[in-house]
Protein backbone atom coordinates (compact mmCIF):
# COMPACT_ATOMS: atom_id res chain seq x y z
CA MET A 1 85.86 84.78 74.93
CA GLY A 2 82.89 86.37 72.92
CA ASN A 3 81.08 87.49 75.99
CA ILE A 4 84.12 89.42 77.29
CA TYR A 5 84.54 91.16 73.99
CA GLN A 6 80.66 92.28 74.12
CA PHE A 7 81.33 93.35 77.76
CA ILE A 8 84.09 95.66 76.86
CA LEU A 9 82.28 96.92 73.64
CA ILE A 10 79.30 97.99 75.43
CA LEU A 11 81.35 99.88 77.98
CA SER A 12 83.25 101.53 75.26
CA LEU A 13 80.02 102.67 73.70
CA MET A 14 78.76 104.13 76.85
CA LEU A 15 81.97 106.04 77.45
CA TYR A 16 82.08 107.24 73.86
CA THR A 17 78.55 108.47 74.02
CA SER A 18 79.28 110.39 77.34
CA LEU A 19 81.97 112.25 75.57
CA GLU A 20 79.88 113.51 72.79
CA THR A 21 79.22 116.91 74.52
CA ILE A 22 80.57 120.38 73.76
CA GLY A 23 82.18 122.31 76.50
CA GLN A 24 85.66 123.31 77.98
CA THR A 25 87.81 120.23 78.85
CA TYR A 26 91.12 119.65 80.60
CA ASP A 27 93.37 116.62 80.52
CA ARG A 28 95.06 114.72 83.15
CA PHE A 29 97.99 112.22 83.10
CA GLY A 30 98.80 110.06 86.12
CA LEU A 31 101.47 107.91 87.45
CA GLU A 32 100.96 105.73 90.60
CA GLY A 33 102.78 102.89 92.42
CA GLN A 34 100.66 100.28 94.20
CA TYR A 35 101.06 97.59 96.88
CA GLY A 36 98.71 95.20 98.29
CA PHE A 37 97.77 91.58 99.23
CA ILE A 38 95.73 88.72 97.97
CA ILE A 39 92.58 87.69 99.61
CA PRO A 40 92.37 83.91 100.17
CA HIS A 41 88.62 83.48 99.66
CA ALA A 42 88.79 79.56 99.98
CA LEU A 43 90.76 77.12 102.00
CA ASP A 44 92.49 75.56 99.02
CA LEU A 45 93.83 78.95 97.91
CA ARG A 46 95.64 80.05 101.11
CA ASN A 47 98.94 78.54 100.18
CA ILE A 48 99.37 80.64 97.00
CA SER A 49 97.75 83.70 98.79
CA THR A 50 100.89 84.66 100.85
CA SER A 51 102.48 86.91 98.58
CA ASN A 52 102.16 90.68 98.15
CA PRO A 53 101.21 92.06 94.69
CA TYR A 54 102.94 95.30 93.58
CA GLY A 55 103.02 97.34 90.44
CA VAL A 56 102.68 100.69 88.45
CA GLN A 57 99.65 102.31 86.84
CA LEU A 58 99.73 104.93 84.05
CA SER A 59 96.57 106.83 83.08
CA TYR A 60 95.09 109.42 80.87
CA SER A 61 91.76 110.90 81.57
CA ARG A 62 89.68 113.98 80.45
CA LEU A 63 87.02 116.18 82.16
CA ASN A 64 84.33 118.07 80.46
CA THR A 65 82.85 121.09 82.26
CA SER A 66 79.73 121.48 80.08
CA LYS A 67 76.17 121.32 81.71
CA GLU A 68 75.21 118.51 79.24
CA SER A 69 78.20 116.43 80.40
CA TRP A 70 77.53 117.11 84.07
CA LYS A 71 73.86 115.91 83.60
CA VAL A 72 75.21 112.39 82.76
CA CYS A 73 75.78 111.81 86.46
CA ASN A 74 74.83 115.10 88.05
CA CYS A 75 78.43 115.66 88.79
CA PHE A 76 81.80 116.25 87.09
CA TYR A 77 83.70 113.10 86.18
CA TYR A 78 86.78 112.07 84.31
CA LEU A 79 86.65 109.44 81.62
CA GLY A 80 90.03 107.68 80.59
CA LEU A 81 92.25 104.82 79.83
CA GLN A 82 94.94 103.26 81.90
CA VAL A 83 97.73 100.77 81.90
CA ALA A 84 98.71 98.72 84.76
CA ILE A 85 101.42 96.19 85.25
CA HIS A 86 101.02 94.18 88.45
CA ASP A 87 103.48 91.45 89.81
CA PHE A 88 101.76 89.03 92.21
CA GLY A 89 105.17 88.26 94.00
CA ASN A 90 105.04 84.71 93.02
CA ALA A 91 106.70 84.52 89.67
CA ASP A 92 106.65 80.64 89.21
CA ILE A 93 102.85 80.32 90.04
CA LEU A 94 101.00 83.38 89.58
CA GLY A 95 103.36 85.61 87.27
CA GLN A 96 102.16 89.01 86.21
CA SER A 97 98.96 90.81 85.15
CA ASN A 98 99.32 93.28 82.23
CA SER A 99 96.19 95.24 81.78
CA LEU A 100 94.40 97.95 79.50
CA SER A 101 91.18 99.45 81.08
CA GLY A 102 88.70 102.12 80.59
CA PHE A 103 87.19 103.99 83.59
CA PHE A 104 84.58 106.33 84.74
CA GLU A 105 85.59 108.58 87.77
CA PRO A 106 83.02 110.93 89.29
CA ILE A 107 84.10 113.61 91.62
CA LEU A 108 82.32 113.18 94.82
CA GLY A 109 83.71 116.16 96.90
CA THR A 110 85.97 119.09 96.34
CA GLY A 111 87.75 121.86 98.46
CA LYS A 112 89.98 124.70 97.80
CA SER A 113 92.94 122.42 97.24
CA TRP A 114 91.53 118.76 97.46
CA GLU A 115 89.32 116.35 95.54
CA PHE A 116 87.80 113.15 96.44
CA SER A 117 86.71 110.82 93.53
CA LEU A 118 85.55 107.27 92.85
CA LYS A 119 87.23 105.59 90.02
CA SER A 120 85.62 102.29 88.49
CA GLY A 121 86.73 100.49 85.39
CA ILE A 122 86.93 97.35 83.38
CA GLY A 123 89.37 96.15 80.86
CA PHE A 124 91.59 93.23 79.42
CA THR A 125 94.49 91.77 81.29
CA TYR A 126 97.09 89.41 79.87
CA LEU A 127 98.28 86.85 82.61
CA THR A 128 101.65 85.42 82.27
CA ARG A 129 101.19 82.38 84.36
CA VAL A 130 98.01 80.52 84.31
CA TYR A 131 96.66 76.94 85.69
CA ASP A 132 98.06 74.07 83.83
CA ALA A 133 97.28 70.56 85.19
CA GLU A 134 100.87 69.44 84.58
CA THR A 135 103.11 72.37 84.70
CA ASN A 136 101.12 74.75 87.06
CA PRO A 137 98.49 72.89 88.96
CA GLU A 138 98.63 75.16 92.01
CA ASN A 139 97.34 78.17 90.19
CA LEU A 140 93.41 77.82 90.72
CA PHE A 141 92.99 81.51 90.44
CA PHE A 142 92.76 81.80 86.62
CA SER A 143 93.15 79.53 83.71
CA SER A 144 92.86 81.89 80.66
CA PRO A 145 95.80 84.04 79.61
CA LEU A 146 93.44 86.59 78.38
CA SER A 147 90.90 87.51 81.05
CA PHE A 148 89.36 90.75 82.22
CA LEU A 149 89.88 93.04 85.11
CA ILE A 150 87.30 94.91 87.07
CA PHE A 151 88.42 97.37 89.76
CA LEU A 152 86.97 100.07 92.21
CA GLN A 153 89.29 102.93 93.39
CA PRO A 154 88.47 105.52 95.74
CA SER A 155 91.16 108.44 95.58
CA PHE A 156 92.00 111.65 97.49
CA ASN A 157 93.98 114.13 95.48
CA TYR A 158 95.76 117.08 96.86
CA ARG A 159 96.87 120.05 94.66
CA ILE A 160 100.45 121.18 95.23
CA SER A 161 100.56 123.63 92.30
CA GLU A 162 98.34 124.80 89.41
CA GLN A 163 99.30 121.73 87.28
CA LEU A 164 100.52 119.04 89.79
CA ASP A 165 98.45 116.82 92.22
CA VAL A 166 99.51 114.13 94.48
CA ASN A 167 97.14 111.33 95.45
CA LEU A 168 96.44 108.64 97.77
CA SER A 169 94.20 105.74 96.72
CA PHE A 170 92.88 102.29 97.71
CA VAL A 171 91.99 99.99 94.80
CA TYR A 172 90.08 96.75 94.85
CA ASN A 173 91.03 94.49 91.81
CA HIS A 174 89.13 91.40 90.59
CA ILE A 175 90.41 89.24 87.74
CA SER A 176 88.35 86.43 86.04
CA ASN A 177 87.71 84.92 82.83
CA GLY A 178 83.83 85.13 83.38
CA GLY A 179 83.54 81.25 83.44
CA GLN A 180 84.95 80.86 79.89
CA ARG A 181 87.39 78.36 81.05
CA GLN A 182 87.99 76.42 84.22
CA PRO A 183 89.37 76.50 87.01
CA ASN A 184 88.12 80.28 87.39
CA ARG A 185 88.32 81.00 91.02
CA GLY A 186 89.13 84.50 90.33
CA ILE A 187 91.64 86.49 92.24
CA ASN A 188 90.85 89.61 94.49
CA TYR A 189 93.70 91.90 95.42
CA PRO A 190 93.25 95.20 97.37
CA MET A 191 96.11 97.71 96.90
CA VAL A 192 97.11 101.04 98.32
CA GLY A 193 98.49 103.60 95.73
CA LEU A 194 100.55 106.65 95.91
CA GLY A 195 101.12 108.74 92.85
CA VAL A 196 101.07 112.15 90.98
CA SER A 197 98.90 113.61 88.38
CA TYR A 198 99.76 116.41 85.82
CA VAL A 199 96.96 118.45 84.75
CA VAL A 200 96.87 120.32 81.36
CA GLU A 201 95.53 123.81 81.64
CA ARG A 202 93.40 123.25 84.71
CA THR A 203 89.88 125.17 84.74
CA THR A 204 87.61 126.26 87.49
CA LEU A 205 84.50 123.84 87.72
CA PRO A 206 81.30 125.87 87.36
CA GLU A 207 78.37 125.44 89.66
CA TYR A 208 75.20 123.74 88.25
CA GLU A 209 72.08 123.08 90.09
CA THR A 210 70.92 119.44 90.76
CA ASP A 211 67.66 118.10 89.36
CA HIS A 212 65.56 117.65 92.46
CA THR A 213 62.43 116.61 90.46
CA LEU A 214 63.85 112.85 90.26
CA LYS A 215 61.38 110.16 90.90
CA LYS A 216 61.60 108.33 94.07
CA TRP A 217 60.27 105.06 93.05
CA ALA A 218 61.58 103.50 89.87
CA PRO A 219 59.90 100.14 88.58
CA TYR A 220 61.89 98.42 85.90
CA LEU A 221 62.03 95.47 83.55
CA ASP A 222 65.11 93.83 82.22
CA VAL A 223 65.61 91.16 79.58
CA PHE A 224 69.13 89.54 79.22
CA GLY A 225 71.04 86.75 77.42
CA THR A 226 74.31 84.99 76.97
CA ASN A 227 75.73 81.66 76.12
CA ARG A 228 77.52 79.03 78.32
CA LYS A 229 79.57 75.95 77.79
CA THR A 230 77.57 72.55 78.13
CA GLY A 231 80.50 70.57 79.43
CA VAL A 232 80.67 68.59 76.22
CA GLY A 233 83.81 69.78 74.32
CA ASP A 234 83.57 73.37 73.30
CA GLU A 235 79.79 73.24 72.78
CA ARG A 236 77.88 76.28 73.94
CA LYS A 237 74.12 76.92 74.37
CA TYR A 238 72.15 80.14 75.21
CA LEU A 239 70.74 81.49 78.35
CA TRP A 240 67.66 83.87 78.17
CA GLY A 241 65.95 85.44 81.10
CA THR A 242 63.99 88.51 82.53
CA SER A 243 63.97 90.30 85.70
CA ALA A 244 61.44 92.73 87.30
CA GLY A 245 61.82 95.04 90.16
CA ALA A 246 61.77 98.52 91.59
CA TYR A 247 64.09 100.67 93.77
CA TYR A 248 63.42 103.67 95.97
CA ARG A 249 65.88 106.57 95.74
CA PHE A 250 66.91 107.56 99.26
CA PHE A 251 69.59 109.98 97.94
CA PRO A 252 70.25 111.50 94.58
CA ILE A 253 72.83 108.85 93.73
CA SER A 254 71.65 105.94 95.79
CA GLY A 255 68.61 103.63 96.18
CA LEU A 256 67.52 100.36 97.51
CA GLY A 257 65.16 97.97 96.02
CA GLY A 258 64.31 94.26 95.11
CA GLY A 259 62.66 92.06 92.47
CA LEU A 260 62.50 88.63 90.88
CA GLU A 261 64.63 87.18 88.00
CA MET A 262 63.70 84.14 85.98
CA TYR A 263 65.94 82.66 83.24
CA HIS A 264 66.29 79.40 81.29
CA ASP A 265 69.91 78.10 80.93
CA GLN A 266 69.84 75.63 77.86
CA SER A 267 73.38 74.37 78.92
CA LEU A 268 71.88 72.74 81.91
CA SER A 269 68.84 71.24 80.11
CA GLY A 270 70.55 68.07 79.04
CA GLU A 271 70.30 66.33 75.61
CA THR A 272 66.45 66.14 75.74
CA VAL A 273 66.06 69.76 76.37
CA ASN A 274 64.06 69.44 79.63
CA PHE A 275 62.78 72.95 80.44
CA LYS A 276 62.47 72.29 84.15
CA ASN A 277 66.29 71.32 84.30
CA GLY A 278 67.41 74.62 83.03
CA PHE A 279 64.85 76.75 84.70
CA ILE A 280 65.93 79.20 87.61
CA ALA A 281 63.92 81.65 89.57
CA ALA A 282 65.34 83.86 92.31
CA PRO A 283 63.99 86.77 94.13
CA TYR A 284 66.70 89.36 95.19
CA ALA A 285 67.37 92.49 97.28
CA SER A 286 69.40 95.25 95.35
CA HIS A 287 71.39 98.51 95.79
CA HIS A 288 71.76 101.09 93.08
CA PHE A 289 74.45 103.79 92.43
CA ILE A 290 72.66 106.33 90.12
CA PHE A 291 74.98 108.68 88.11
CA GLY A 292 72.37 110.23 85.72
CA ARG A 293 72.50 108.12 82.66
CA PHE A 294 74.73 105.67 84.40
CA MET A 295 73.58 103.07 86.99
CA PHE A 296 75.50 100.45 88.77
CA SER A 297 73.47 97.94 90.65
CA GLN A 298 74.34 95.07 92.98
CA ARG A 299 71.88 92.26 93.57
CA PHE A 300 71.90 89.56 96.23
CA ALA A 301 69.71 86.75 94.97
CA TYR A 302 68.31 83.42 96.51
CA TYR A 303 67.71 80.31 94.44
CA LEU A 304 64.03 79.66 94.88
CA GLN A 305 64.15 77.18 92.03
CA ASN A 306 67.32 75.85 90.39
CA PRO A 307 68.24 72.54 88.58
CA ASP A 308 69.45 69.52 90.63
CA ASP A 309 73.19 69.50 91.18
CA TYR A 310 73.66 72.88 89.57
CA ALA A 311 75.14 74.79 92.43
CA ASP A 312 76.17 74.14 95.99
CA HIS A 313 75.29 77.82 96.90
CA ALA A 314 71.91 78.98 98.08
CA PHE A 315 72.70 82.58 97.05
CA TYR A 316 74.40 84.44 94.40
CA GLN A 317 75.31 87.99 93.43
CA ARG A 318 74.82 90.04 90.11
CA TYR A 319 76.67 93.14 89.18
CA ILE A 320 75.00 95.24 86.63
CA LEU A 321 76.28 98.32 84.71
CA GLN A 322 73.62 100.06 82.54
CA TYR A 323 73.60 103.31 80.55
CA GLY A 324 70.53 105.28 79.37
CA ILE A 325 70.70 105.35 75.42
CA TRP A 326 67.16 106.77 74.92
CA GLN A 327 64.55 108.21 77.43
CA ASN A 328 63.69 105.25 79.70
CA LEU A 329 65.68 102.59 77.68
CA GLN A 330 69.02 101.27 79.10
CA LEU A 331 71.50 99.09 77.50
CA GLY A 332 73.79 97.11 80.01
CA ILE A 333 76.10 94.32 80.93
CA GLY A 334 75.88 91.98 84.02
CA LEU A 335 78.14 89.58 85.76
CA LYS A 336 76.90 86.68 87.90
CA VAL A 337 79.11 85.59 90.73
CA HIS A 338 78.88 82.81 93.37
CA GLY A 339 81.02 84.32 96.34
CA HIS A 340 84.21 85.37 94.63
CA VAL A 341 83.87 83.05 91.66
CA ALA A 342 82.47 84.47 88.44
CA GLU A 343 79.94 82.36 86.43
CA ASN A 344 78.90 84.34 83.38
CA ILE A 345 78.68 87.63 81.67
CA ASP A 346 75.39 88.73 80.00
CA LEU A 347 74.13 91.45 77.70
CA ARG A 348 70.90 93.19 78.67
CA LEU A 349 68.28 95.70 77.76
CA GLY A 350 66.30 97.44 80.36
CA TYR A 351 63.16 99.78 80.68
CA THR A 352 62.34 101.95 83.56
CA PHE A 353 58.67 103.01 84.03
């Protein structure tokens, strides 16, 4: 589970650094009920995907109105924590998810009495029912009681008084253990939420001018690493790699690009440590959400070179969250996925030229 702890630690450092600004703030408390469905992303998962998850979400967040805080993403944003209890509607096989998450929620649009925001976050979840070959063989979604939750949640908030808002949201949840234990098909369950928020001493948001001198083209270089099980007991070996690419910023917060990543996975090399057996090369196309110091990128990669019998897939995805820690230097975390199945989590360092 070490990679998951690294994943959460880096996100926590990003959020903490962003809070280190001086300015007027206001706090917000939220309560939301949620209801949804499970996506059966494979044929053998259909029989256990017929139930409807439901639950409740409690949150606390803070918004800082200073210009230094605004520069982090060229927008105002909430930073916060939330607790969620989700019952999967199948007590015997799937049980419940009890999660604690940190989130980043930029405000994308505002009106006189409304606000549209996009919350994204990650955290730990404790699962009450997991796979067991003898007692629960049908649950192929997850096999580790302690796993992690990633979610994306667009929300529409409407002000009904100076301190009270009502909100309607759509949330896409993904739970996985990051390939730490098998089976790990991962569960994806969208939900609709309806809730209320209480704002303590709401303040008017000032107007700041967007920086229009941002570079259009941005070449970059990343190095990354993690460790993976070899398939021999609990033995783990390292994976090291690098990627080089560039993106073009079409809008202040969005860009398209591509590149090439190459890495060596020692867990695939065999006992003789054959370099070729562990070498992977993959060109990729990418999309980038750019919020000042924060950047969330999605890569769609093709296996140009991969070890024999390594994967049945020709493509994979990689989701990367990075934060600018100093000038052009970024610290980040990445998640590699085949379809809806998470393979591993990595720690990475990037440089933008």
